[in-house]
Amino acid sequence: MAKRERPDDEAMPGERRQASARHEDRYEDRYEDRADGRPDDRIDDERMDEENILKPEYVRSVRESLEAGDDARVYELVEPLHPADIADLLELFERDERHQLAAAITDLMTSEVVAELNDFVRDDMMESLPAARVALIAEQLDTDDAVQLIEDLDRENQQAILAELDAEDRHAIESALAYPDETAGRLMNLDFVAVPEHLTVGDLIDFLREDRALPNDFFEIFVVDERHHPVGTCQLSWILRTPRTIPLTDVMKRDQTLIPAALDQEEVGNMFQKYALISAAVVDESGRLVGQMTVDDVVHIIAEEAGEDALLMSGAGEGDINEPIRDAYFSRVRWLVANLGTALIASLIIAAFGAAIEQLVALAVLMPIVASIGGNAGTQTMAVTVRAIAMNQLTRSNTGRILLREMRVAMLNGATIALLIGLATGLIFTPLLGLVIAAAMVINVIIAGLAGVLVPVIFDRLDTDPAVASSVFVTMITDSMGFFAFLGLAVASGVVG
């Protein structure tokens, strides 16, 4: 779980060496041993359907064997699965069944499986295992995966697990845990290769061939100065094609993207997308190289952030089907209470026009349409705005232009919907009522467009995630203004006395 650095006799400050040989001796990779019996594309018609999902009949056979206490049969059924599929299988079972299944498959419950588990399922299973067993699993994982394994456990369990680790691995995990959650420092990988800038290509090749403590997989080599600041990078392909006598400083790429350890993971994802990065160095406040981020880590970040924003806008909290019921209740009910408060505002507006509604029942029939269309229009604009803010496409420099653009779109949408609802209302009820609802529709859709941009932007300016509370306020504005515009115009126009 550590980086491998310079080949000099004296290590740089803060340098740690990875004991990967020790880890490899401790565990064999049984999945590679089975590779000859399983095609790379993992087509498995017996267990997986055409969408690469475990078949219900296969899951049922595992459950029946588990209930019958036939652990040997359970092991036989599960053994051919890939670690990611074993993780999927565990997530399909209830809590008690998961622990039974984990006990039945014994050595198949490897670090690779644990790394693929859903966060809630993983935390639950780790809390039920002895600290020594969790520490053994953590030692086989990359640093970033090991951190995810124990970061959500309670303090007591964390300390017990860390105490079981050797000093090197414990220092790596504690260093990552010192950074805030969802930052590059928390997510970075310490398995990287860094060498001093005075080496030649030949020196580097000899170092890579002779050193047994290198990370298992690496594609890029970081070149650092005497202060351990990254000064360039070398891809392995460049090294292999360059004569041995050439200095690294003549081969390395000096222009590199450095990621501050305190940078939010969403910004890390944006940087990888913008600059088409495969990997990037992570540096601390003093500019020292402390880790690296790779594209496989960022793929998870992008997927997580995209899902998180959608769930936050709906007020669904974590939105995970494995989330404990109590946690799901508390994360959702607070937004429902907030919606209740905003709905009362709309109700007060309706109550203010109660006499008019009593005189003309058509108002009660039509006013939900105005509010509903406005709400949909506001949600559309808000979704576009929140995404633009998350992708750094909407900044202080272009807010005005984007606002005008969305207003024009809102006017076109409002005019189109107003024409349709106005004609229908005029034919069914009266032409004047048709004009009233058409005007109210235009007003509310324009207001929806305005709110859909301004509400997320204001939250962003206040350093608050715009996805968290924007929907509540946008809905309140569109509902309240929709009712007020329609009922107010109906009274002002003389449709009702």
Protein backbone atom coordinates (compact mmCIF):
# COMPACT_ATOMS: atom_id res chain seq x y z
CA MET A 1 0.00 0.00 0.00
CA ALA A 2 2.96 2.32 -0.34
CA LYS A 3 4.88 4.20 -2.94
CA ARG A 4 8.24 3.13 -4.30
CA GLU A 5 10.72 5.88 -4.78
CA ARG A 6 14.29 6.73 -5.58
CA PRO A 7 16.98 4.06 -5.86
CA ASP A 8 19.46 6.11 -3.82
CA ASP A 9 20.84 4.60 -0.63
CA GLU A 10 19.29 7.35 1.47
CA ALA A 11 15.53 7.83 1.20
CA MET A 12 13.97 11.24 0.85
CA PRO A 13 12.04 12.65 3.84
CA GLY A 14 8.69 10.94 4.26
CA GLU A 15 9.63 8.15 1.86
CA ARG A 16 8.13 4.70 2.41
CA ARG A 17 8.84 1.47 0.60
CA GLN A 18 6.19 -1.03 -0.33
CA ALA A 19 6.50 -4.57 0.93
CA SER A 20 4.52 -6.00 -1.94
CA ALA A 21 6.63 -9.16 -2.00
CA ARG A 22 5.46 -9.86 1.55
CA HIS A 23 1.86 -9.44 0.50
CA GLU A 24 2.26 -11.62 -2.56
CA ASP A 25 3.80 -14.41 -0.47
CA ARG A 26 0.92 -14.23 1.97
CA TYR A 27 -1.84 -14.62 -0.61
CA GLU A 28 -2.09 -16.22 -4.00
CA ASP A 29 -4.28 -14.73 -6.67
CA ARG A 30 -6.71 -17.56 -7.13
CA TYR A 31 -8.59 -15.68 -9.80
CA GLU A 32 -5.58 -15.63 -12.07
CA ASP A 33 -5.17 -19.34 -11.42
CA ARG A 34 -8.68 -19.88 -12.76
CA ALA A 35 -8.15 -17.65 -15.79
CA ASP A 36 -7.60 -20.58 -18.13
CA GLY A 37 -11.00 -21.92 -17.28
CA ARG A 38 -12.83 -18.64 -17.73
CA PRO A 39 -12.80 -16.49 -20.90
CA ASP A 40 -11.78 -12.87 -20.55
CA ASP A 41 -15.19 -11.61 -21.58
CA ARG A 42 -16.68 -13.63 -18.69
CA ILE A 43 -19.64 -14.91 -20.70
CA ASP A 44 -21.46 -17.26 -18.32
CA ASP A 45 -24.84 -18.39 -19.61
CA GLU A 46 -25.38 -20.65 -16.61
CA ARG A 47 -25.17 -17.92 -13.98
CA MET A 48 -25.45 -14.60 -15.80
CA ASP A 49 -28.17 -13.25 -18.08
CA GLU A 50 -27.62 -11.25 -21.27
CA GLU A 51 -27.20 -8.06 -19.24
CA ASN A 52 -24.43 -9.64 -17.14
CA ILE A 53 -26.68 -9.83 -14.07
CA LEU A 54 -26.88 -12.90 -11.84
CA LYS A 55 -29.87 -15.02 -12.84
CA PRO A 56 -32.69 -15.35 -10.26
CA GLU A 57 -32.59 -19.15 -10.49
CA TYR A 58 -28.86 -19.17 -9.74
CA VAL A 59 -29.32 -16.87 -6.73
CA ARG A 60 -32.18 -19.09 -5.58
CA SER A 61 -30.02 -22.21 -5.79
CA VAL A 62 -27.31 -20.54 -3.67
CA ARG A 63 -29.91 -19.48 -1.09
CA GLU A 64 -31.46 -22.95 -0.95
CA SER A 65 -28.05 -24.56 -0.42
CA LEU A 66 -27.27 -22.01 2.27
CA GLU A 67 -30.56 -22.67 4.07
CA ALA A 68 -29.91 -26.41 3.88
CA GLY A 69 -26.54 -25.91 5.56
CA ASP A 70 -24.70 -27.37 2.57
CA ASP A 71 -21.60 -25.16 2.67
CA ALA A 72 -19.72 -27.37 0.22
CA ARG A 73 -22.43 -26.88 -2.39
CA VAL A 74 -22.49 -23.14 -1.75
CA TYR A 75 -18.73 -22.98 -2.26
CA GLU A 76 -19.02 -24.98 -5.48
CA LEU A 77 -21.70 -22.64 -6.84
CA VAL A 78 -19.83 -19.44 -5.95
CA GLU A 79 -16.27 -20.44 -6.81
CA PRO A 80 -16.47 -19.76 -10.60
CA LEU A 81 -17.67 -16.19 -10.08
CA HIS A 82 -15.52 -13.12 -10.60
CA PRO A 83 -14.89 -11.09 -7.39
CA ALA A 84 -17.23 -8.34 -8.60
CA ASP A 85 -19.98 -10.92 -9.16
CA ILE A 86 -19.43 -12.41 -5.70
CA ALA A 87 -19.89 -8.90 -4.31
CA ASP A 88 -23.14 -8.56 -6.28
CA LEU A 89 -24.31 -11.90 -4.92
CA LEU A 90 -23.65 -10.83 -1.32
CA GLU A 91 -25.62 -7.62 -1.85
CA LEU A 92 -28.66 -9.60 -3.02
CA PHE A 93 -28.96 -11.36 0.35
CA GLU A 94 -30.36 -10.12 3.64
CA ARG A 95 -27.96 -9.09 6.40
CA ASP A 96 -27.95 -12.41 8.28
CA GLU A 97 -27.71 -14.40 5.06
CA ARG A 98 -24.68 -12.37 3.96
CA HIS A 99 -22.74 -13.38 7.04
CA GLN A 100 -23.71 -17.02 6.48
CA LEU A 101 -22.64 -16.82 2.86
CA ALA A 102 -19.33 -15.16 3.72
CA ALA A 103 -18.62 -17.93 6.23
CA ALA A 104 -19.54 -20.62 3.69
CA ILE A 105 -17.29 -19.38 0.88
CA THR A 106 -14.32 -18.96 3.28
CA ASP A 107 -11.22 -18.13 1.21
CA LEU A 108 -13.29 -16.80 -1.72
CA MET A 109 -14.08 -13.80 0.48
CA THR A 110 -10.93 -11.97 -0.62
CA SER A 111 -9.87 -8.34 -0.63
CA GLU A 112 -10.95 -8.10 -4.28
CA VAL A 113 -14.51 -9.00 -3.26
CA VAL A 114 -14.50 -6.58 -0.34
CA ALA A 115 -13.29 -3.74 -2.58
CA GLU A 116 -16.29 -4.28 -4.89
CA LEU A 117 -18.94 -4.33 -2.15
CA ASN A 118 -21.50 -1.59 -1.70
CA ASP A 119 -20.40 0.87 1.01
CA PHE A 120 -23.21 0.02 3.43
CA VAL A 121 -22.84 -3.72 2.94
CA ARG A 122 -19.06 -3.52 3.32
CA ASP A 123 -19.26 -1.48 6.52
CA ASP A 124 -21.76 -3.89 8.03
CA MET A 125 -19.65 -6.93 7.21
CA MET A 126 -16.42 -5.36 8.40
CA GLU A 127 -17.99 -4.45 11.75
CA SER A 128 -18.90 -8.10 12.26
CA LEU A 129 -15.36 -9.38 11.59
CA PRO A 130 -12.48 -9.46 14.09
CA ALA A 131 -10.08 -6.52 13.75
CA ALA A 132 -7.24 -8.86 12.79
CA ARG A 133 -9.23 -10.26 9.86
CA VAL A 134 -10.14 -6.77 8.60
CA ALA A 135 -6.51 -5.70 8.92
CA LEU A 136 -5.45 -8.72 6.88
CA ILE A 137 -7.89 -7.71 4.12
CA ALA A 138 -6.76 -4.07 4.26
CA GLU A 139 -3.14 -5.06 3.76
CA GLN A 140 -4.00 -6.62 0.40
CA LEU A 141 -5.73 -3.51 -0.92
CA ASP A 142 -4.36 -0.37 -2.50
CA THR A 143 -4.19 2.48 -0.04
CA ASP A 144 -7.27 4.25 -1.41
CA ASP A 145 -9.34 1.06 -1.20
CA ALA A 146 -8.04 0.32 2.31
CA VAL A 147 -9.06 3.80 3.42
CA GLN A 148 -12.57 3.29 2.04
CA LEU A 149 -12.70 -0.01 3.89
CA ILE A 150 -12.33 1.53 7.35
CA GLU A 151 -13.15 5.25 7.02
CA ASP A 152 -16.87 4.89 7.83
CA LEU A 153 -16.37 2.53 10.77
CA ASP A 154 -16.66 3.94 14.27
CA ARG A 155 -13.55 5.30 15.96
CA GLU A 156 -13.11 2.28 18.22
CA ASN A 157 -13.16 -0.19 15.33
CA GLN A 158 -10.81 1.99 13.29
CA GLN A 159 -8.23 2.09 16.08
CA ALA A 160 -8.48 -1.66 16.65
CA ILE A 161 -7.90 -2.37 12.96
CA LEU A 162 -5.05 0.12 12.65
CA ALA A 163 -3.36 -1.46 15.66
CA GLU A 164 -3.26 -4.79 13.81
CA LEU A 165 -1.47 -3.30 10.78
CA ASP A 166 2.28 -2.99 10.49
CA ALA A 167 3.73 0.48 11.02
CA GLU A 168 4.15 1.18 7.31
CA ASP A 169 0.59 0.39 6.28
CA ARG A 170 -0.83 2.06 9.38
CA HIS A 171 1.04 5.28 8.58
CA ALA A 172 -0.25 5.23 4.99
CA ILE A 173 -3.89 4.87 6.05
CA GLU A 174 -3.64 7.39 8.88
CA SER A 175 -2.05 9.92 6.50
CA ALA A 176 -4.96 9.53 4.07
CA LEU A 177 -7.56 9.72 6.84
CA ALA A 178 -6.04 13.02 7.95
CA TYR A 179 -7.42 14.67 4.81
CA PRO A 180 -11.10 15.72 4.58
CA ASP A 181 -13.60 13.29 3.13
CA GLU A 182 -14.10 13.36 -0.66
CA THR A 183 -10.80 15.13 -1.34
CA ALA A 184 -7.86 14.05 -3.46
CA GLY A 185 -5.81 13.36 -0.33
CA ARG A 186 -8.40 10.91 0.97
CA LEU A 187 -8.79 9.17 -2.39
CA MET A 188 -5.21 9.22 -3.71
CA ASN A 189 -3.17 6.08 -4.20
CA LEU A 190 0.24 5.80 -2.55
CA ASP A 191 1.33 3.03 -4.94
CA PHE A 192 3.51 5.00 -7.32
CA VAL A 193 7.11 5.22 -8.50
CA ALA A 194 9.14 8.41 -7.98
CA VAL A 195 12.83 8.81 -8.90
CA PRO A 196 15.36 11.67 -8.63
CA GLU A 197 15.99 13.82 -11.68
CA HIS A 198 19.74 13.08 -11.94
CA LEU A 199 19.20 9.51 -13.25
CA THR A 200 19.70 8.39 -16.82
CA VAL A 201 17.28 6.18 -18.71
CA GLY A 202 19.60 3.23 -18.14
CA ASP A 203 19.72 3.87 -14.39
CA LEU A 204 15.94 3.93 -14.28
CA ILE A 205 15.55 0.71 -16.27
CA ASP A 206 18.02 -1.11 -14.00
CA PHE A 207 16.17 0.19 -10.95
CA LEU A 208 12.81 -0.98 -12.26
CA ARG A 209 14.17 -4.42 -13.12
CA GLU A 210 16.00 -5.03 -9.86
CA ASP A 211 13.66 -3.61 -7.25
CA ARG A 212 11.12 -6.15 -5.92
CA ALA A 213 9.12 -3.66 -3.89
CA LEU A 214 7.59 -1.80 -6.82
CA PRO A 215 3.81 -1.39 -7.10
CA ASN A 216 2.10 -4.22 -8.94
CA ASP A 217 0.80 -1.92 -11.68
CA PHE A 218 2.11 1.43 -12.82
CA PHE A 219 2.19 3.27 -16.13
CA GLU A 220 3.90 6.52 -15.33
CA ILE A 221 7.03 7.44 -13.38
CA PHE A 222 7.27 10.72 -11.48
CA VAL A 223 10.56 12.62 -11.49
CA VAL A 224 11.21 14.67 -8.35
CA ASP A 225 13.85 17.17 -7.21
CA GLU A 226 15.75 17.18 -3.92
CA ARG A 227 12.76 18.76 -2.15
CA HIS A 228 10.56 15.92 -3.39
CA HIS A 229 8.64 18.28 -5.65
CA PRO A 230 7.49 16.73 -8.94
CA VAL A 231 9.38 18.25 -11.89
CA GLY A 232 8.21 15.93 -14.64
CA THR A 233 6.78 12.57 -15.65
CA CYS A 234 7.92 9.71 -17.87
CA GLN A 235 5.68 7.15 -19.47
CA LEU A 236 7.05 3.63 -19.64
CA SER A 237 6.76 3.65 -23.43
CA TRP A 238 9.13 6.61 -23.63
CA ILE A 239 11.67 4.90 -21.38
CA LEU A 240 11.66 1.68 -23.39
CA ARG A 241 12.28 3.51 -26.67
CA THR A 242 15.03 5.82 -25.45
CA PRO A 243 18.81 5.03 -25.40
CA ARG A 244 20.18 4.21 -21.96
CA THR A 245 22.62 7.12 -21.83
CA ILE A 246 19.98 9.83 -22.21
CA PRO A 247 19.27 11.78 -18.97
CA LEU A 248 15.72 11.58 -17.65
CA THR A 249 15.54 15.37 -17.76
CA ASP A 250 15.78 15.17 -21.56
CA VAL A 251 12.99 12.61 -21.83
CA MET A 252 10.51 13.60 -19.16
CA LYS A 253 7.48 15.74 -19.76
CA ARG A 254 7.85 18.87 -17.68
CA ASP A 255 4.35 20.21 -18.31
CA GLN A 256 2.15 18.26 -15.90
CA THR A 257 -1.13 18.73 -14.08
CA LEU A 258 -0.68 18.72 -10.31
CA ILE A 259 -3.63 18.04 -8.01
CA PRO A 260 -3.68 19.65 -4.55
CA ALA A 261 -4.37 17.06 -1.85
CA ALA A 262 -7.18 19.24 -0.45
CA LEU A 263 -9.00 19.53 -3.80
CA ASP A 264 -12.60 18.28 -3.83
CA GLN A 265 -13.12 15.01 -5.71
CA GLU A 266 -15.60 16.63 -8.08
CA GLU A 267 -12.94 19.11 -9.18
CA VAL A 268 -10.49 16.23 -9.60
CA GLY A 269 -12.94 14.56 -11.98
CA ASN A 270 -13.36 17.80 -13.92
CA MET A 271 -9.58 18.14 -14.30
CA PHE A 272 -9.22 14.60 -15.63
CA GLN A 273 -12.02 15.19 -18.12
CA LYS A 274 -10.79 18.60 -19.22
CA TYR A 275 -7.14 17.62 -19.71
CA ALA A 276 -7.72 13.98 -20.78
CA LEU A 277 -5.48 12.69 -17.98
CA ILE A 278 -4.57 9.06 -17.35
CA SER A 279 -2.84 9.79 -14.06
CA ALA A 280 -1.74 12.86 -12.14
CA ALA A 281 0.49 13.66 -9.19
CA VAL A 282 -1.09 14.72 -5.89
CA VAL A 283 0.88 17.30 -3.90
CA ASP A 284 0.53 18.68 -0.38
CA GLU A 285 0.51 22.33 0.68
CA SER A 286 4.29 22.58 0.34
CA GLY A 287 4.27 21.10 -3.15
CA ARG A 288 5.71 17.71 -2.15
CA LEU A 289 4.58 14.62 -4.02
CA VAL A 290 2.38 12.56 -1.71
CA GLY A 291 0.36 10.32 -4.04
CA GLN A 292 -1.29 9.95 -7.40
CA MET A 293 -4.77 9.80 -8.87
CA THR A 294 -5.45 7.45 -11.77
CA VAL A 295 -8.24 7.36 -14.29
CA ASP A 296 -9.82 4.22 -12.79
CA ASP A 297 -10.29 6.11 -9.52
CA VAL A 298 -11.76 9.08 -11.38
CA VAL A 299 -14.29 6.94 -13.26
CA HIS A 300 -15.80 5.99 -9.89
CA ILE A 301 -15.73 9.62 -8.77
CA ILE A 302 -17.58 10.84 -11.87
CA ALA A 303 -20.25 8.14 -11.54
CA GLU A 304 -20.61 8.83 -7.81
CA GLU A 305 -20.93 12.60 -8.25
CA ALA A 306 -23.46 12.26 -11.08
CA GLY A 307 -25.65 9.98 -8.99
CA GLU A 308 -25.18 12.11 -5.89
CA ASP A 309 -26.39 15.30 -7.59
CA ALA A 310 -29.49 13.56 -8.94
CA LEU A 311 -30.32 12.15 -5.51
CA LEU A 312 -29.69 15.44 -3.74
CA MET A 313 -32.04 17.28 -6.09
CA SER A 314 -34.77 14.78 -5.29
CA GLY A 315 -34.10 14.90 -1.54
CA ALA A 316 -33.51 11.14 -1.45
CA GLY A 317 -30.36 11.29 0.69
CA GLU A 318 -27.86 8.55 -0.08
CA GLY A 319 -30.46 6.89 -2.29
CA ASP A 320 -28.97 3.46 -1.68
CA ILE A 321 -31.20 0.41 -1.38
CA ASN A 322 -28.76 -1.00 1.16
CA GLU A 323 -28.92 2.09 3.37
CA PRO A 324 -30.31 1.33 6.85
CA ILE A 325 -34.01 2.20 7.14
CA ARG A 326 -33.40 4.62 10.01
CA ASP A 327 -30.80 6.57 8.03
CA ALA A 328 -33.01 6.62 4.92
CA TYR A 329 -35.92 7.92 6.99
CA PHE A 330 -34.00 10.81 8.53
CA SER A 331 -32.35 11.83 5.25
CA ARG A 332 -35.67 11.96 3.39
CA VAL A 333 -38.18 13.18 5.93
CA ARG A 334 -36.42 16.51 6.53
CA TRP A 335 -36.91 17.45 2.89
CA LEU A 336 -40.52 16.33 2.97
CA VAL A 337 -41.03 18.60 5.97
CA ALA A 338 -39.37 21.43 4.04
CA ASN A 339 -41.68 20.75 1.09
CA LEU A 340 -44.63 20.82 3.46
CA GLY A 341 -43.60 24.32 4.54
CA THR A 342 -43.29 25.59 0.99
CA ALA A 343 -46.61 23.98 0.04
CA LEU A 344 -48.28 25.96 2.82
CA ILE A 345 -47.16 29.17 1.14
CA ALA A 346 -48.92 28.13 -2.06
CA SER A 347 -51.99 27.16 -0.05
CA LEU A 348 -52.12 30.61 1.54
CA ILE A 349 -52.18 32.19 -1.91
CA ILE A 350 -55.04 29.92 -2.97
CA ALA A 351 -56.91 30.75 0.24
CA ALA A 352 -56.56 34.47 -0.51
CA PHE A 353 -58.53 33.92 -3.73
CA GLY A 354 -61.06 31.55 -2.16
CA ALA A 355 -64.05 33.79 -2.99
CA ALA A 356 -63.08 33.94 -6.67
CA ILE A 357 -62.68 30.16 -6.87
CA GLU A 358 -66.15 29.70 -5.32
CA GLN A 359 -67.66 31.88 -8.06
CA LEU A 360 -65.96 30.03 -10.92
CA VAL A 361 -65.14 26.36 -10.44
CA ALA A 362 -63.10 26.38 -13.68
CA LEU A 363 -60.36 28.24 -11.81
CA ALA A 364 -59.91 25.27 -9.48
CA VAL A 365 -59.79 22.96 -12.50
CA LEU A 366 -57.17 24.96 -14.40
CA MET A 367 -54.84 26.40 -11.77
CA PRO A 368 -52.95 23.11 -11.11
CA ILE A 369 -52.01 23.07 -14.80
CA VAL A 370 -50.25 26.43 -14.55
CA ALA A 371 -48.33 25.37 -11.43
CA SER A 372 -47.44 21.94 -12.84
CA ILE A 373 -46.07 23.25 -16.16
CA GLY A 374 -44.11 25.93 -14.31
CA GLY A 375 -42.66 23.33 -11.97
CA ASN A 376 -41.55 21.13 -14.86
CA ALA A 377 -39.99 24.08 -16.68
CA GLY A 378 -38.14 25.13 -13.54
CA THR A 379 -36.85 21.61 -12.92
CA GLN A 380 -35.52 21.41 -16.49
CA THR A 381 -33.64 24.69 -16.18
CA MET A 382 -32.39 23.84 -12.69
CA ALA A 383 -31.01 20.47 -13.84
CA VAL A 384 -29.11 22.13 -16.70
CA THR A 385 -27.78 24.83 -14.36
CA VAL A 386 -26.66 22.44 -11.61
CA ARG A 387 -24.84 20.30 -14.16
CA ALA A 388 -23.20 23.35 -15.72
CA ILE A 389 -22.00 24.50 -12.29
CA ALA A 390 -20.67 21.03 -11.47
CA MET A 391 -18.79 20.87 -14.79
CA ASN A 392 -17.42 24.41 -14.36
CA GLN A 393 -19.28 25.47 -17.49
CA LEU A 394 -21.22 28.14 -15.62
CA THR A 395 -18.93 30.62 -13.85
CA ARG A 396 -19.04 34.22 -12.72
CA SER A 397 -17.78 35.19 -16.16
CA ASN A 398 -20.77 33.88 -18.12
CA THR A 399 -23.67 33.85 -15.62
CA GLY A 400 -25.36 36.80 -17.29
CA ARG A 401 -25.15 35.25 -20.75
CA ILE A 402 -26.51 31.91 -19.53
CA LEU A 403 -29.35 33.67 -17.71
CA LEU A 404 -30.40 35.52 -20.88
CA ARG A 405 -30.16 32.30 -22.87
CA GLU A 406 -32.44 30.43 -20.48
CA MET A 407 -34.88 33.35 -20.44
CA ARG A 408 -35.18 33.18 -24.22
CA VAL A 409 -35.76 29.43 -24.04
CA ALA A 410 -38.37 30.01 -21.33
CA MET A 411 -40.19 32.62 -23.41
CA LEU A 412 -40.36 30.28 -26.41
CA ASN A 413 -41.55 27.37 -24.26
CA GLY A 414 -44.05 29.59 -22.43
CA ALA A 415 -45.48 30.98 -25.66
CA THR A 416 -45.89 27.50 -27.14
CA ILE A 417 -47.63 26.01 -24.09
CA ALA A 418 -49.70 29.20 -23.62
CA LEU A 419 -51.01 28.96 -27.18
CA LEU A 420 -52.08 25.34 -26.71
CA ILE A 421 -53.72 25.74 -23.29
CA GLY A 422 -55.27 29.09 -24.24
CA LEU A 423 -57.02 27.66 -27.33
CA ALA A 424 -58.25 24.61 -25.41
CA THR A 425 -59.55 26.70 -22.52
CA GLY A 426 -61.21 29.19 -24.85
CA LEU A 427 -63.05 26.42 -26.63
CA ILE A 428 -64.14 24.57 -23.48
CA PHE A 429 -64.87 27.55 -21.22
CA THR A 430 -64.67 31.18 -22.42
CA PRO A 431 -62.22 33.07 -24.68
CA LEU A 432 -61.38 35.50 -21.87
CA LEU A 433 -60.46 32.68 -19.52
CA GLY A 434 -58.33 31.27 -22.33
CA LEU A 435 -56.41 34.56 -22.55
CA VAL A 436 -56.00 34.66 -18.77
CA ILE A 437 -54.50 31.18 -18.50
CA ALA A 438 -52.29 31.80 -21.53
CA ALA A 439 -50.86 34.96 -19.96
CA ALA A 440 -50.41 33.22 -16.61
CA MET A 441 -48.61 30.36 -18.33
CA VAL A 442 -46.14 32.67 -20.05
CA ILE A 443 -45.45 34.53 -16.81
CA ASN A 444 -44.93 31.36 -14.77
CA VAL A 445 -42.67 29.63 -17.28
CA ILE A 446 -40.48 32.73 -17.53
CA ILE A 447 -40.32 32.95 -13.73
CA ALA A 448 -39.47 29.23 -13.67
CA GLY A 449 -36.59 29.80 -16.07
CA LEU A 450 -35.35 32.69 -13.96
CA ALA A 451 -35.58 30.68 -10.72
CA GLY A 452 -34.02 27.61 -12.31
CA VAL A 453 -30.84 29.60 -12.99
CA LEU A 454 -30.69 32.05 -10.08
CA VAL A 455 -31.46 29.67 -7.20
CA PRO A 456 -28.58 27.22 -7.95
CA VAL A 457 -26.23 30.12 -8.72
CA ILE A 458 -27.04 31.82 -5.40
CA PHE A 459 -26.41 28.60 -3.49
CA ASP A 460 -23.13 28.16 -5.34
CA ARG A 461 -22.06 31.71 -4.47
CA LEU A 462 -22.84 30.91 -0.82
CA ASP A 463 -20.51 27.88 -1.03
CA THR A 464 -23.46 25.51 -0.67
CA ASP A 465 -24.01 22.56 -2.97
CA PRO A 466 -26.71 23.84 -5.37
CA ALA A 467 -28.06 20.32 -5.80
CA VAL A 468 -29.02 20.07 -2.14
CA ALA A 469 -31.84 22.60 -1.72
CA SER A 470 -32.47 24.14 -5.14
CA SER A 471 -35.43 21.92 -5.99
CA VAL A 472 -37.35 22.91 -2.83
CA PHE A 473 -37.07 26.61 -3.54
CA VAL A 474 -37.65 26.35 -7.28
CA THR A 475 -40.82 24.33 -6.66
CA MET A 476 -42.03 26.84 -4.08
CA ILE A 477 -41.48 29.73 -6.50
CA THR A 478 -43.17 28.10 -9.49
CA ASP A 479 -46.17 26.84 -7.50
CA SER A 480 -46.73 30.11 -5.63
CA MET A 481 -46.23 32.35 -8.65
CA GLY A 482 -48.28 30.08 -10.86
CA PHE A 483 -51.30 30.25 -8.57
CA PHE A 484 -50.83 33.97 -7.94
CA ALA A 485 -50.47 34.86 -11.63
CA PHE A 486 -53.46 32.82 -12.75
CA LEU A 487 -55.86 33.73 -9.96
CA GLY A 488 -54.69 37.35 -9.85
CA LEU A 489 -55.18 37.81 -13.61
CA ALA A 490 -58.59 36.11 -13.40
CA VAL A 491 -59.75 38.63 -10.80
CA ALA A 492 -58.10 41.62 -12.49
CA SER A 493 -59.54 40.77 -15.92
CA GLY A 494 -63.09 40.52 -14.64
CA VAL A 495 -63.51 36.79 -15.34
CA VAL A 496 -64.84 36.67 -11.79
CA GLY A 497 -66.26 39.51 -9.75
